[in-house]
Amino acid sequence: MLTKTTLVSGITATLFLVAGPAMGQSSTLERMMEIYSPPDEYYFFEEDKKKVVDYKKDRMVRVCVGDSRHTVPLKVSYDGKTAEVGSNDCLRVEAKEIYLEPAKRLDPNWMIAADVQTEN
């Protein structure tokens, strides 16, 4: 059985072999992550910003960041407020609209993985 870590490692290794260091890997890796990831998982590269929730009324949403080797937190913008969630941590917010992005620019080929679950 493949785990998320095995899948990400396999995709990254495959892309490195296919794309090589001269080609921009982030965009290719990002596209592959979009294709092979479940709909509630998001991957953020460099200055990536994504709208992950857009509801008509407030809903309770949990945002969790996976374990990461770097210390850049994920910025959570929701209904005019902001918060940050660090590596291997979660945040629950009540909101209609949520945007996620790295709190500061990530180095090339680094990423932050986040899981977004609507609880009600």
PDB file of N, CA and C in Angstrom:
ATOM      1  N   MET A   1       0.835  -1.180   0.000  1.00  0.00           N
ATOM      2  CA  MET A   1       0.000   0.000   0.000  1.00  0.00           C
ATOM      3  C   MET A   1       0.883   1.249   0.000  1.00  0.00           C
ATOM      4  N   LEU A   2       0.578   2.186  -0.857  1.00  0.00           N
ATOM      5  CA  LEU A   2       1.341   3.433  -0.933  1.00  0.00           C
ATOM      6  C   LEU A   2       0.849   4.421   0.104  1.00  0.00           C
ATOM      7  N   THR A   3       1.765   5.048   0.792  1.00  0.00           N
ATOM      8  CA  THR A   3       1.411   6.112   1.717  1.00  0.00           C
ATOM      9  C   THR A   3       1.614   7.436   1.010  1.00  0.00           C
ATOM     10  N   LYS A   4       1.130   8.536   1.619  1.00  0.00           N
ATOM     11  CA  LYS A   4       1.304   9.864   1.038  1.00  0.00           C
ATOM     12  C   LYS A   4       2.781  10.195   0.889  1.00  0.00           C
ATOM     13  N   THR A   5       3.573   9.832   1.906  1.00  0.00           N
ATOM     14  CA  THR A   5       5.005  10.120   1.871  1.00  0.00           C
ATOM     15  C   THR A   5       5.675   9.359   0.741  1.00  0.00           C
ATOM     16  N   THR A   6       5.312   8.086   0.566  1.00  0.00           N
ATOM     17  CA  THR A   6       5.877   7.284  -0.516  1.00  0.00           C
ATOM     18  C   THR A   6       5.500   7.877  -1.859  1.00  0.00           C
ATOM     19  N   LEU A   7       4.255   8.279  -2.013  1.00  0.00           N
ATOM     20  CA  LEU A   7       3.789   8.865  -3.267  1.00  0.00           C
ATOM     21  C   LEU A   7       4.538  10.153  -3.574  1.00  0.00           C
ATOM     22  N   VAL A   8       4.654  11.051  -2.596  1.00  0.00           N
ATOM     23  CA  VAL A   8       5.354  12.317  -2.803  1.00  0.00           C
ATOM     24  C   VAL A   8       6.813  12.062  -3.122  1.00  0.00           C
ATOM     25  N   SER A   9       7.459  11.144  -2.387  1.00  0.00           N
ATOM     26  CA  SER A   9       8.869  10.835  -2.623  1.00  0.00           C
ATOM     27  C   SER A   9       9.063  10.253  -4.014  1.00  0.00           C
ATOM     28  N   GLY A  10       8.172   9.366  -4.403  1.00  0.00           N
ATOM     29  CA  GLY A  10       8.266   8.766  -5.733  1.00  0.00           C
ATOM     30  C   GLY A  10       8.085   9.779  -6.836  1.00  0.00           C
ATOM     31  N   ILE A  11       7.112  10.651  -6.683  1.00  0.00           N
ATOM     32  CA  ILE A  11       6.868  11.689  -7.689  1.00  0.00           C
ATOM     33  C   ILE A  11       8.058  12.628  -7.763  1.00  0.00           C
ATOM     34  N   THR A  12       8.578  13.038  -6.612  1.00  0.00           N
ATOM     35  CA  THR A  12       9.720  13.952  -6.590  1.00  0.00           C
ATOM     36  C   THR A  12      10.932  13.314  -7.249  1.00  0.00           C
ATOM     37  N   ALA A  13      11.218  12.059  -6.912  1.00  0.00           N
ATOM     38  CA  ALA A  13      12.364  11.370  -7.505  1.00  0.00           C
ATOM     39  C   ALA A  13      12.186  11.215  -9.004  1.00  0.00           C
ATOM     40  N   THR A  14      10.985  10.862  -9.438  1.00  0.00           N
ATOM     41  CA  THR A  14      10.718  10.715 -10.863  1.00  0.00           C
ATOM     42  C   THR A  14      10.893  12.031 -11.591  1.00  0.00           C
ATOM     43  N   LEU A  15      10.370  13.100 -11.032  1.00  0.00           N
ATOM     44  CA  LEU A  15      10.501  14.406 -11.673  1.00  0.00           C
ATOM     45  C   LEU A  15      11.947  14.852 -11.760  1.00  0.00           C
ATOM     46  N   PHE A  16      12.728  14.575 -10.726  1.00  0.00           N
ATOM     47  CA  PHE A  16      14.124  14.974 -10.756  1.00  0.00           C
ATOM     48  C   PHE A  16      14.835  14.248 -11.889  1.00  0.00           C
ATOM     49  N   LEU A  17      14.541  12.970 -12.057  1.00  0.00           N
ATOM     50  CA  LEU A  17      15.178  12.203 -13.122  1.00  0.00           C
ATOM     51  C   LEU A  17      14.710  12.652 -14.496  1.00  0.00           C
ATOM     52  N   VAL A  18      13.429  12.953 -14.635  1.00  0.00           N
ATOM     53  CA  VAL A  18      12.884  13.353 -15.931  1.00  0.00           C
ATOM     54  C   VAL A  18      13.208  14.802 -16.253  1.00  0.00           C
ATOM     55  N   ALA A  19      12.954  15.707 -15.297  1.00  0.00           N
ATOM     56  CA  ALA A  19      13.103  17.133 -15.573  1.00  0.00           C
ATOM     57  C   ALA A  19      14.551  17.588 -15.478  1.00  0.00           C
ATOM     58  N   GLY A  20      15.298  17.011 -14.564  1.00  0.00           N
ATOM     59  CA  GLY A  20      16.682  17.425 -14.386  1.00  0.00           C
ATOM     60  C   GLY A  20      16.757  18.772 -13.704  1.00  0.00           C
ATOM     61  N   PRO A  21      17.939  19.154 -13.234  1.00  0.00           N
ATOM     62  CA  PRO A  21      18.061  20.397 -12.483  1.00  0.00           C
ATOM     63  C   PRO A  21      17.915  21.657 -13.317  1.00  0.00           C
ATOM     64  N   ALA A  22      18.081  21.594 -14.626  1.00  0.00           N
ATOM     65  CA  ALA A  22      18.006  22.801 -15.454  1.00  0.00           C
ATOM     66  C   ALA A  22      16.580  23.264 -15.675  1.00  0.00           C
ATOM     67  N   MET A  23      15.610  22.380 -15.505  1.00  0.00           N
ATOM     68  CA  MET A  23      14.208  22.700 -15.768  1.00  0.00           C
ATOM     69  C   MET A  23      13.511  23.063 -14.458  1.00  0.00           C
ATOM     70  N   GLY A  24      12.598  24.027 -14.478  1.00  0.00           N
ATOM     71  CA  GLY A  24      11.861  24.398 -13.266  1.00  0.00           C
ATOM     72  C   GLY A  24      11.014  23.244 -12.792  1.00  0.00           C
ATOM     73  N   GLN A  25      11.320  22.711 -11.636  1.00  0.00           N
ATOM     74  CA  GLN A  25      10.629  21.524 -11.140  1.00  0.00           C
ATOM     75  C   GLN A  25       9.364  21.850 -10.371  1.00  0.00           C
ATOM     76  N   SER A  26       9.288  23.017  -9.757  1.00  0.00           N
ATOM     77  CA  SER A  26       8.138  23.336  -8.917  1.00  0.00           C
ATOM     78  C   SER A  26       6.830  23.264  -9.687  1.00  0.00           C
ATOM     79  N   SER A  27       6.773  23.826 -10.876  1.00  0.00           N
ATOM     80  CA  SER A  27       5.513  23.837 -11.612  1.00  0.00           C
ATOM     81  C   SER A  27       5.111  22.427 -12.035  1.00  0.00           C
ATOM     82  N   THR A  28       6.055  21.596 -12.427  1.00  0.00           N
ATOM     83  CA  THR A  28       5.752  20.223 -12.813  1.00  0.00           C
ATOM     84  C   THR A  28       5.332  19.422 -11.593  1.00  0.00           C
ATOM     85  N   LEU A  29       6.066  19.575 -10.508  1.00  0.00           N
ATOM     86  CA  LEU A  29       5.722  18.873  -9.276  1.00  0.00           C
ATOM     87  C   LEU A  29       4.361  19.325  -8.764  1.00  0.00           C
ATOM     88  N   GLU A  30       4.101  20.625  -8.816  1.00  0.00           N
ATOM     89  CA  GLU A  30       2.808  21.150  -8.358  1.00  0.00           C
ATOM     90  C   GLU A  30       1.662  20.551  -9.169  1.00  0.00           C
ATOM     91  N   ARG A  31       1.834  20.474 -10.466  1.00  0.00           N
ATOM     92  CA  ARG A  31       0.784  19.905 -11.332  1.00  0.00           C
ATOM     93  C   ARG A  31       0.531  18.439 -11.000  1.00  0.00           C
ATOM     94  N   MET A  32       1.608  17.678 -10.775  1.00  0.00           N
ATOM     95  CA  MET A  32       1.449  16.254 -10.443  1.00  0.00           C
ATOM     96  C   MET A  32       0.782  16.084  -9.084  1.00  0.00           C
ATOM     97  N   MET A  33       1.098  16.956  -8.127  1.00  0.00           N
ATOM     98  CA  MET A  33       0.471  16.887  -6.813  1.00  0.00           C
ATOM     99  C   MET A  33      -1.029  17.158  -6.928  1.00  0.00           C
ATOM    100  N   GLU A  34      -1.416  18.105  -7.777  1.00  0.00           N
ATOM    101  CA  GLU A  34      -2.837  18.397  -7.989  1.00  0.00           C
ATOM    102  C   GLU A  34      -3.561  17.189  -8.559  1.00  0.00           C
ATOM    103  N   ILE A  35      -2.932  16.496  -9.477  1.00  0.00           N
ATOM    104  CA  ILE A  35      -3.554  15.354 -10.149  1.00  0.00           C
ATOM    105  C   ILE A  35      -3.724  14.171  -9.199  1.00  0.00           C
ATOM    106  N   TYR A  36      -2.699  13.865  -8.412  1.00  0.00           N
ATOM    107  CA  TYR A  36      -2.697  12.643  -7.615  1.00  0.00           C
ATOM    108  C   TYR A  36      -3.120  12.814  -6.160  1.00  0.00           C
ATOM    109  N   SER A  37      -3.432  14.013  -5.725  1.00  0.00           N
ATOM    110  CA  SER A  37      -3.809  14.252  -4.335  1.00  0.00           C
ATOM    111  C   SER A  37      -5.315  14.194  -4.144  1.00  0.00           C
ATOM    112  N   PRO A  38      -5.759  13.775  -2.962  1.00  0.00           N
ATOM    113  CA  PRO A  38      -7.190  13.837  -2.657  1.00  0.00           C
ATOM    114  C   PRO A  38      -7.659  15.295  -2.683  1.00  0.00           C
ATOM    115  N   PRO A  39      -8.957  15.533  -2.874  1.00  0.00           N
ATOM    116  CA  PRO A  39      -9.453  16.910  -3.010  1.00  0.00           C
ATOM    117  C   PRO A  39      -9.288  17.787  -1.776  1.00  0.00           C
ATOM    118  N   ASP A  40      -9.071  17.203  -0.599  1.00  0.00           N
ATOM    119  CA  ASP A  40      -8.923  18.014   0.612  1.00  0.00           C
ATOM    120  C   ASP A  40      -7.457  18.271   0.978  1.00  0.00           C
ATOM    121  N   GLU A  41      -6.516  17.871   0.118  1.00  0.00           N
ATOM    122  CA  GLU A  41      -5.098  18.131   0.339  1.00  0.00           C
ATOM    123  C   GLU A  41      -4.605  19.211  -0.609  1.00  0.00           C
ATOM    124  N   TYR A  42      -3.779  20.104  -0.087  1.00  0.00           N
ATOM    125  CA  TYR A  42      -3.240  21.204  -0.885  1.00  0.00           C
ATOM    126  C   TYR A  42      -1.736  21.279  -0.668  1.00  0.00           C
ATOM    127  N   TYR A  43      -1.021  21.628  -1.726  1.00  0.00           N
ATOM    128  CA  TYR A  43       0.429  21.767  -1.669  1.00  0.00           C
ATOM    129  C   TYR A  43       0.789  23.179  -2.104  1.00  0.00           C
ATOM    130  N   PHE A  44       1.664  23.817  -1.331  1.00  0.00           N
ATOM    131  CA  PHE A  44       2.028  25.206  -1.568  1.00  0.00           C
ATOM    132  C   PHE A  44       3.511  25.315  -1.866  1.00  0.00           C
ATOM    133  N   PHE A  45       3.841  26.043  -2.937  1.00  0.00           N
ATOM    134  CA  PHE A  45       5.213  26.231  -3.384  1.00  0.00           C
ATOM    135  C   PHE A  45       5.516  27.729  -3.433  1.00  0.00           C
ATOM    136  N   GLU A  46       6.724  28.117  -3.117  1.00  0.00           N
ATOM    137  CA  GLU A  46       7.222  29.490  -3.187  1.00  0.00           C
ATOM    138  C   GLU A  46       6.198  30.499  -2.675  1.00  0.00           C
ATOM    139  N   GLU A  47       5.545  31.291  -3.543  1.00  0.00           N
ATOM    140  CA  GLU A  47       4.565  32.311  -3.118  1.00  0.00           C
ATOM    141  C   GLU A  47       3.143  31.917  -3.507  1.00  0.00           C
ATOM    142  N   ASP A  48       2.846  30.668  -3.407  1.00  0.00           N
ATOM    143  CA  ASP A  48       1.570  30.105  -3.831  1.00  0.00           C
ATOM    144  C   ASP A  48       0.443  30.528  -2.888  1.00  0.00           C
ATOM    145  N   LYS A  49      -0.693  30.965  -3.425  1.00  0.00           N
ATOM    146  CA  LYS A  49      -1.869  31.319  -2.620  1.00  0.00           C
ATOM    147  C   LYS A  49      -3.078  30.629  -3.233  1.00  0.00           C
ATOM    148  N   LYS A  50      -3.872  29.960  -2.393  1.00  0.00           N
ATOM    149  CA  LYS A  50      -5.034  29.223  -2.889  1.00  0.00           C
ATOM    150  C   LYS A  50      -6.251  29.505  -2.035  1.00  0.00           C
ATOM    151  N   LYS A  51      -7.390  29.652  -2.712  1.00  0.00           N
ATOM    152  CA  LYS A  51      -8.679  29.731  -2.022  1.00  0.00           C
ATOM    153  C   LYS A  51      -9.139  28.293  -1.822  1.00  0.00           C
ATOM    154  N   VAL A  52      -9.298  27.886  -0.550  1.00  0.00           N
ATOM    155  CA  VAL A  52      -9.617  26.492  -0.264  1.00  0.00           C
ATOM    156  C   VAL A  52     -11.042  26.295   0.247  1.00  0.00           C
ATOM    157  N   VAL A  53     -11.687  27.375   0.668  1.00  0.00           N
ATOM    158  CA  VAL A  53     -13.068  27.304   1.156  1.00  0.00           C
ATOM    159  C   VAL A  53     -13.827  28.508   0.630  1.00  0.00           C
ATOM    160  N   ASP A  54     -15.055  28.253   0.155  1.00  0.00           N
ATOM    161  CA  ASP A  54     -15.932  29.327  -0.321  1.00  0.00           C
ATOM    162  C   ASP A  54     -17.378  28.879  -0.117  1.00  0.00           C
ATOM    163  N   TYR A  55     -17.933  29.210   1.052  1.00  0.00           N
ATOM    164  CA  TYR A  55     -19.290  28.810   1.403  1.00  0.00           C
ATOM    165  C   TYR A  55     -20.208  30.028   1.474  1.00  0.00           C
ATOM    166  N   LYS A  56     -21.506  29.801   1.442  1.00  0.00           N
ATOM    167  CA  LYS A  56     -22.504  30.875   1.566  1.00  0.00           C
ATOM    168  C   LYS A  56     -22.693  31.315   3.017  1.00  0.00           C
ATOM    169  N   LYS A  57     -22.472  30.380   3.963  1.00  0.00           N
ATOM    170  CA  LYS A  57     -22.588  30.730   5.390  1.00  0.00           C
ATOM    171  C   LYS A  57     -21.397  30.137   6.142  1.00  0.00           C
ATOM    172  N   ASP A  58     -21.163  30.621   7.354  1.00  0.00           N
ATOM    173  CA  ASP A  58     -20.020  30.166   8.151  1.00  0.00           C
ATOM    174  C   ASP A  58     -20.059  28.657   8.375  1.00  0.00           C
ATOM    175  N   ARG A  59     -18.894  28.055   8.268  1.00  0.00           N
ATOM    176  CA  ARG A  59     -18.720  26.624   8.547  1.00  0.00           C
ATOM    177  C   ARG A  59     -17.462  26.461   9.383  1.00  0.00           C
ATOM    178  N   MET A  60     -17.408  25.452  10.220  1.00  0.00           N
ATOM    179  CA  MET A  60     -16.224  25.147  11.010  1.00  0.00           C
ATOM    180  C   MET A  60     -15.278  24.333  10.120  1.00  0.00           C
ATOM    181  N   VAL A  61     -14.050  24.832   9.983  1.00  0.00           N
ATOM    182  CA  VAL A  61     -13.066  24.208   9.105  1.00  0.00           C
ATOM    183  C   VAL A  61     -11.774  23.992   9.881  1.00  0.00           C
ATOM    184  N   ARG A  62     -11.177  22.821   9.699  1.00  0.00           N
ATOM    185  CA  ARG A  62      -9.898  22.496  10.342  1.00  0.00           C
ATOM    186  C   ARG A  62      -8.812  22.464   9.272  1.00  0.00           C
ATOM    187  N   VAL A  63      -7.753  23.229   9.495  1.00  0.00           N
ATOM    188  CA  VAL A  63      -6.604  23.277   8.582  1.00  0.00           C
ATOM    189  C   VAL A  63      -5.419  22.663   9.319  1.00  0.00           C
ATOM    190  N   CYS A  64      -4.836  21.612   8.759  1.00  0.00           N
ATOM    191  CA  CYS A  64      -3.684  20.954   9.371  1.00  0.00           C
ATOM    192  C   CYS A  64      -2.508  20.988   8.401  1.00  0.00           C
ATOM    193  N   VAL A  65      -1.336  21.279   8.940  1.00  0.00           N
ATOM    194  CA  VAL A  65      -0.113  21.305   8.138  1.00  0.00           C
ATOM    195  C   VAL A  65       0.680  20.045   8.468  1.00  0.00           C
ATOM    196  N   GLY A  66       1.173  19.393   7.422  1.00  0.00           N
ATOM    197  CA  GLY A  66       1.963  18.182   7.618  1.00  0.00           C
ATOM    198  C   GLY A  66       3.317  18.472   8.225  1.00  0.00           C
ATOM    199  N   ASP A  67       4.001  17.418   8.610  1.00  0.00           N
ATOM    200  CA  ASP A  67       5.341  17.533   9.161  1.00  0.00           C
ATOM    201  C   ASP A  67       6.277  18.050   8.074  1.00  0.00           C
ATOM    202  N   SER A  68       7.101  19.019   8.402  1.00  0.00           N
ATOM    203  CA  SER A  68       7.967  19.653   7.416  1.00  0.00           C
ATOM    204  C   SER A  68       9.360  19.863   7.984  1.00  0.00           C
ATOM    205  N   ARG A  69      10.354  19.842   7.106  1.00  0.00           N
ATOM    206  CA  ARG A  69      11.737  20.053   7.532  1.00  0.00           C
ATOM    207  C   ARG A  69      12.061  21.525   7.731  1.00  0.00           C
ATOM    208  N   HIS A  70      11.243  22.404   7.215  1.00  0.00           N
ATOM    209  CA  HIS A  70      11.531  23.833   7.359  1.00  0.00           C
ATOM    210  C   HIS A  70      10.505  24.484   8.269  1.00  0.00           C
ATOM    211  N   THR A  71      10.793  25.702   8.693  1.00  0.00           N
ATOM    212  CA  THR A  71       9.987  26.333   9.735  1.00  0.00           C
ATOM    213  C   THR A  71       9.016  27.390   9.221  1.00  0.00           C
ATOM    214  N   VAL A  72       8.774  27.446   7.935  1.00  0.00           N
ATOM    215  CA  VAL A  72       7.857  28.439   7.393  1.00  0.00           C
ATOM    216  C   VAL A  72       6.419  27.994   7.697  1.00  0.00           C
ATOM    217  N   PRO A  73       5.663  28.793   8.439  1.00  0.00           N
ATOM    218  CA  PRO A  73       4.271  28.437   8.719  1.00  0.00           C
ATOM    219  C   PRO A  73       3.370  28.733   7.518  1.00  0.00           C
ATOM    220  N   LEU A  74       2.165  28.230   7.591  1.00  0.00           N
ATOM    221  CA  LEU A  74       1.155  28.496   6.574  1.00  0.00           C
ATOM    222  C   LEU A  74       0.256  29.616   7.080  1.00  0.00           C
ATOM    223  N   LYS A  75       0.071  30.647   6.285  1.00  0.00           N
ATOM    224  CA  LYS A  75      -0.792  31.776   6.645  1.00  0.00           C
ATOM    225  C   LYS A  75      -2.228  31.423   6.250  1.00  0.00           C
ATOM    226  N   VAL A  76      -3.144  31.576   7.192  1.00  0.00           N
ATOM    227  CA  VAL A  76      -4.560  31.289   6.982  1.00  0.00           C
ATOM    228  C   VAL A  76      -5.310  32.616   7.033  1.00  0.00           C
ATOM    229  N   SER A  77      -5.902  33.028   5.908  1.00  0.00           N
ATOM    230  CA  SER A  77      -6.694  34.262   5.836  1.00  0.00           C
ATOM    231  C   SER A  77      -8.156  33.865   5.708  1.00  0.00           C
ATOM    232  N   TYR A  78      -8.990  34.355   6.643  1.00  0.00           N
ATOM    233  CA  TYR A  78     -10.395  33.959   6.637  1.00  0.00           C
ATOM    234  C   TYR A  78     -11.265  35.113   7.117  1.00  0.00           C
ATOM    235  N   ASP A  79     -12.232  35.477   6.322  1.00  0.00           N
ATOM    236  CA  ASP A  79     -13.224  36.497   6.680  1.00  0.00           C
ATOM    237  C   ASP A  79     -12.602  37.739   7.332  1.00  0.00           C
ATOM    238  N   GLY A  80     -11.542  38.280   6.733  1.00  0.00           N
ATOM    239  CA  GLY A  80     -10.916  39.497   7.230  1.00  0.00           C
ATOM    240  C   GLY A  80      -9.931  39.300   8.367  1.00  0.00           C
ATOM    241  N   LYS A  81      -9.666  38.075   8.768  1.00  0.00           N
ATOM    242  CA  LYS A  81      -8.724  37.776   9.849  1.00  0.00           C
ATOM    243  C   LYS A  81      -7.581  36.941   9.288  1.00  0.00           C
ATOM    244  N   THR A  82      -6.475  36.901  10.031  1.00  0.00           N
ATOM    245  CA  THR A  82      -5.361  36.039   9.645  1.00  0.00           C
ATOM    246  C   THR A  82      -4.821  35.304  10.862  1.00  0.00           C
ATOM    247  N   ALA A  83      -4.259  34.142  10.593  1.00  0.00           N
ATOM    248  CA  ALA A  83      -3.601  33.330  11.620  1.00  0.00           C
ATOM    249  C   ALA A  83      -2.528  32.517  10.914  1.00  0.00           C
ATOM    250  N   GLU A  84      -1.664  31.894  11.689  1.00  0.00           N
ATOM    251  CA  GLU A  84      -0.634  31.041  11.121  1.00  0.00           C
ATOM    252  C   GLU A  84      -0.692  29.677  11.794  1.00  0.00           C
ATOM    253  N   VAL A  85      -0.394  28.654  11.025  1.00  0.00           N
ATOM    254  CA  VAL A  85      -0.332  27.296  11.554  1.00  0.00           C
ATOM    255  C   VAL A  85       1.007  26.711  11.117  1.00  0.00           C
ATOM    256  N   GLY A  86       1.737  26.154  12.088  1.00  0.00           N
ATOM    257  CA  GLY A  86       3.080  25.637  11.836  1.00  0.00           C
ATOM    258  C   GLY A  86       3.084  24.171  11.465  1.00  0.00           C
ATOM    259  N   SER A  87       4.269  23.686  11.224  1.00  0.00           N
ATOM    260  CA  SER A  87       4.492  22.294  10.861  1.00  0.00           C
ATOM    261  C   SER A  87       3.914  21.356  11.916  1.00  0.00           C
ATOM    262  N   ASN A  88       3.219  20.329  11.442  1.00  0.00           N
ATOM    263  CA  ASN A  88       2.653  19.287  12.301  1.00  0.00           C
ATOM    264  C   ASN A  88       1.677  19.844  13.340  1.00  0.00           C
ATOM    265  N   ASP A  89       0.871  20.850  12.923  1.00  0.00           N
ATOM    266  CA  ASP A  89      -0.095  21.472  13.823  1.00  0.00           C
ATOM    267  C   ASP A  89      -1.409  21.705  13.069  1.00  0.00           C
ATOM    268  N   CYS A  90      -2.476  21.998  13.803  1.00  0.00           N
ATOM    269  CA  CYS A  90      -3.790  22.253  13.206  1.00  0.00           C
ATOM    270  C   CYS A  90      -4.387  23.539  13.761  1.00  0.00           C
ATOM    271  N   LEU A  91      -5.332  24.097  13.015  1.00  0.00           N
ATOM    272  CA  LEU A  91      -6.055  25.300  13.416  1.00  0.00           C
ATOM    273  C   LEU A  91      -7.509  25.116  13.002  1.00  0.00           C
ATOM    274  N   ARG A  92      -8.442  25.444  13.911  1.00  0.00           N
ATOM    275  CA  ARG A  92      -9.868  25.398  13.582  1.00  0.00           C
ATOM    276  C   ARG A  92     -10.387  26.822  13.508  1.00  0.00           C
ATOM    277  N   VAL A  93     -11.098  27.134  12.432  1.00  0.00           N
ATOM    278  CA  VAL A  93     -11.694  28.458  12.274  1.00  0.00           C
ATOM    279  C   VAL A  93     -13.123  28.308  11.774  1.00  0.00           C
ATOM    280  N   GLU A  94     -13.928  29.308  12.087  1.00  0.00           N
ATOM    281  CA  GLU A  94     -15.292  29.361  11.568  1.00  0.00           C
ATOM    282  C   GLU A  94     -15.309  30.464  10.527  1.00  0.00           C
ATOM    283  N   ALA A  95     -15.598  30.105   9.275  1.00  0.00           N
ATOM    284  CA  ALA A  95     -15.487  31.081   8.193  1.00  0.00           C
ATOM    285  C   ALA A  95     -16.296  30.668   6.972  1.00  0.00           C
ATOM    286  N   LYS A  96     -16.542  31.648   6.117  1.00  0.00           N
ATOM    287  CA  LYS A  96     -17.186  31.409   4.817  1.00  0.00           C
ATOM    288  C   LYS A  96     -16.137  31.209   3.725  1.00  0.00           C
ATOM    289  N   GLU A  97     -15.026  31.932   3.869  1.00  0.00           N
ATOM    290  CA  GLU A  97     -14.009  31.955   2.823  1.00  0.00           C
ATOM    291  C   GLU A  97     -12.627  31.845   3.470  1.00  0.00           C
ATOM    292  N   ILE A  98     -11.799  30.922   2.957  1.00  0.00           N
ATOM    293  CA  ILE A  98     -10.452  30.732   3.503  1.00  0.00           C
ATOM    294  C   ILE A  98      -9.434  30.667   2.378  1.00  0.00           C
ATOM    295  N   TYR A  99      -8.358  31.448   2.550  1.00  0.00           N
ATOM    296  CA  TYR A  99      -7.205  31.411   1.646  1.00  0.00           C
ATOM    297  C   TYR A  99      -6.009  30.917   2.432  1.00  0.00           C
ATOM    298  N   LEU A 100      -5.170  30.110   1.792  1.00  0.00           N
ATOM    299  CA  LEU A 100      -3.939  29.628   2.409  1.00  0.00           C
ATOM    300  C   LEU A 100      -2.750  30.011   1.547  1.00  0.00           C
ATOM    301  N   GLU A 101      -1.622  30.331   2.223  1.00  0.00           N
ATOM    302  CA  GLU A 101      -0.380  30.635   1.520  1.00  0.00           C
ATOM    303  C   GLU A 101       0.782  30.532   2.501  1.00  0.00           C
ATOM    304  N   PRO A 102       2.005  30.280   2.017  1.00  0.00           N
ATOM    305  CA  PRO A 102       3.157  30.297   2.917  1.00  0.00           C
ATOM    306  C   PRO A 102       3.286  31.672   3.562  1.00  0.00           C
ATOM    307  N   ALA A 103       3.660  31.724   4.840  1.00  0.00           N
ATOM    308  CA  ALA A 103       3.797  32.995   5.547  1.00  0.00           C
ATOM    309  C   ALA A 103       4.937  33.834   4.981  1.00  0.00           C
ATOM    310  N   LYS A 104       5.917  33.183   4.372  1.00  0.00           N
ATOM    311  CA  LYS A 104       6.965  33.893   3.640  1.00  0.00           C
ATOM    312  C   LYS A 104       7.380  33.022   2.451  1.00  0.00           C
ATOM    313  N   ARG A 105       8.051  33.627   1.510  1.00  0.00           N
ATOM    314  CA  ARG A 105       8.428  32.916   0.277  1.00  0.00           C
ATOM    315  C   ARG A 105       9.262  31.677   0.595  1.00  0.00           C
ATOM    316  N   LEU A 106       8.857  30.555   0.019  1.00  0.00           N
ATOM    317  CA  LEU A 106       9.605  29.313   0.193  1.00  0.00           C
ATOM    318  C   LEU A 106      10.756  29.252  -0.808  1.00  0.00           C
ATOM    319  N   ASP A 107      11.801  28.546  -0.451  1.00  0.00           N
ATOM    320  CA  ASP A 107      12.892  28.304  -1.384  1.00  0.00           C
ATOM    321  C   ASP A 107      12.373  27.456  -2.540  1.00  0.00           C
ATOM    322  N   PRO A 108      12.984  27.584  -3.722  1.00  0.00           N
ATOM    323  CA  PRO A 108      12.557  26.754  -4.860  1.00  0.00           C
ATOM    324  C   PRO A 108      12.604  25.266  -4.492  1.00  0.00           C
ATOM    325  N   ASN A 109      11.628  24.528  -4.980  1.00  0.00           N
ATOM    326  CA  ASN A 109      11.488  23.085  -4.775  1.00  0.00           C
ATOM    327  C   ASN A 109      11.166  22.684  -3.334  1.00  0.00           C
ATOM    328  N   TRP A 110      10.792  23.631  -2.481  1.00  0.00           N
ATOM    329  CA  TRP A 110      10.281  23.329  -1.149  1.00  0.00           C
ATOM    330  C   TRP A 110       8.767  23.465  -1.200  1.00  0.00           C
ATOM    331  N   MET A 111       8.080  22.739  -0.327  1.00  0.00           N
ATOM    332  CA  MET A 111       6.626  22.836  -0.322  1.00  0.00           C
ATOM    333  C   MET A 111       6.085  22.652   1.085  1.00  0.00           C
ATOM    334  N   ILE A 112       4.854  23.116   1.265  1.00  0.00           N
ATOM    335  CA  ILE A 112       4.106  22.891   2.496  1.00  0.00           C
ATOM    336  C   ILE A 112       2.852  22.113   2.109  1.00  0.00           C
ATOM    337  N   ALA A 113       2.580  21.039   2.814  1.00  0.00           N
ATOM    338  CA  ALA A 113       1.381  20.239   2.567  1.00  0.00           C
ATOM    339  C   ALA A 113       0.353  20.561   3.637  1.00  0.00           C
ATOM    340  N   ALA A 114      -0.902  20.764   3.209  1.00  0.00           N
ATOM    341  CA  ALA A 114      -1.978  21.076   4.155  1.00  0.00           C
ATOM    342  C   ALA A 114      -3.206  20.238   3.851  1.00  0.00           C
ATOM    343  N   ASP A 115      -3.919  19.886   4.909  1.00  0.00           N
ATOM    344  CA  ASP A 115      -5.151  19.118   4.815  1.00  0.00           C
ATOM    345  C   ASP A 115      -6.267  20.017   5.337  1.00  0.00           C
ATOM    346  N   VAL A 116      -7.354  20.165   4.562  1.00  0.00           N
ATOM    347  CA  VAL A 116      -8.459  21.041   4.926  1.00  0.00           C
ATOM    348  C   VAL A 116      -9.729  20.211   5.024  1.00  0.00           C
ATOM    349  N   GLN A 117     -10.345  20.207   6.212  1.00  0.00           N
ATOM    350  CA  GLN A 117     -11.561  19.429   6.453  1.00  0.00           C
ATOM    351  C   GLN A 117     -12.670  20.325   6.980  1.00  0.00           C
ATOM    352  N   THR A 118     -13.826  20.267   6.350  1.00  0.00           N
ATOM    353  CA  THR A 118     -15.000  20.985   6.862  1.00  0.00           C
ATOM    354  C   THR A 118     -15.657  20.083   7.898  1.00  0.00           C
ATOM    355  N   GLU A 119     -15.865  20.616   9.103  1.00  0.00           N
ATOM    356  CA  GLU A 119     -16.388  19.812  10.196  1.00  0.00           C
ATOM    357  C   GLU A 119     -17.894  19.909  10.363  1.00  0.00           C
ATOM    358  N   ASN A 120     -18.528  20.952   9.803  1.00  0.00           N
ATOM    359  CA  ASN A 120     -20.002  21.030   9.886  1.00  0.00           C
ATOM    360  C   ASN A 120     -20.565  21.648   8.647  1.00  0.00           C
TER     361      ASN A 120
END
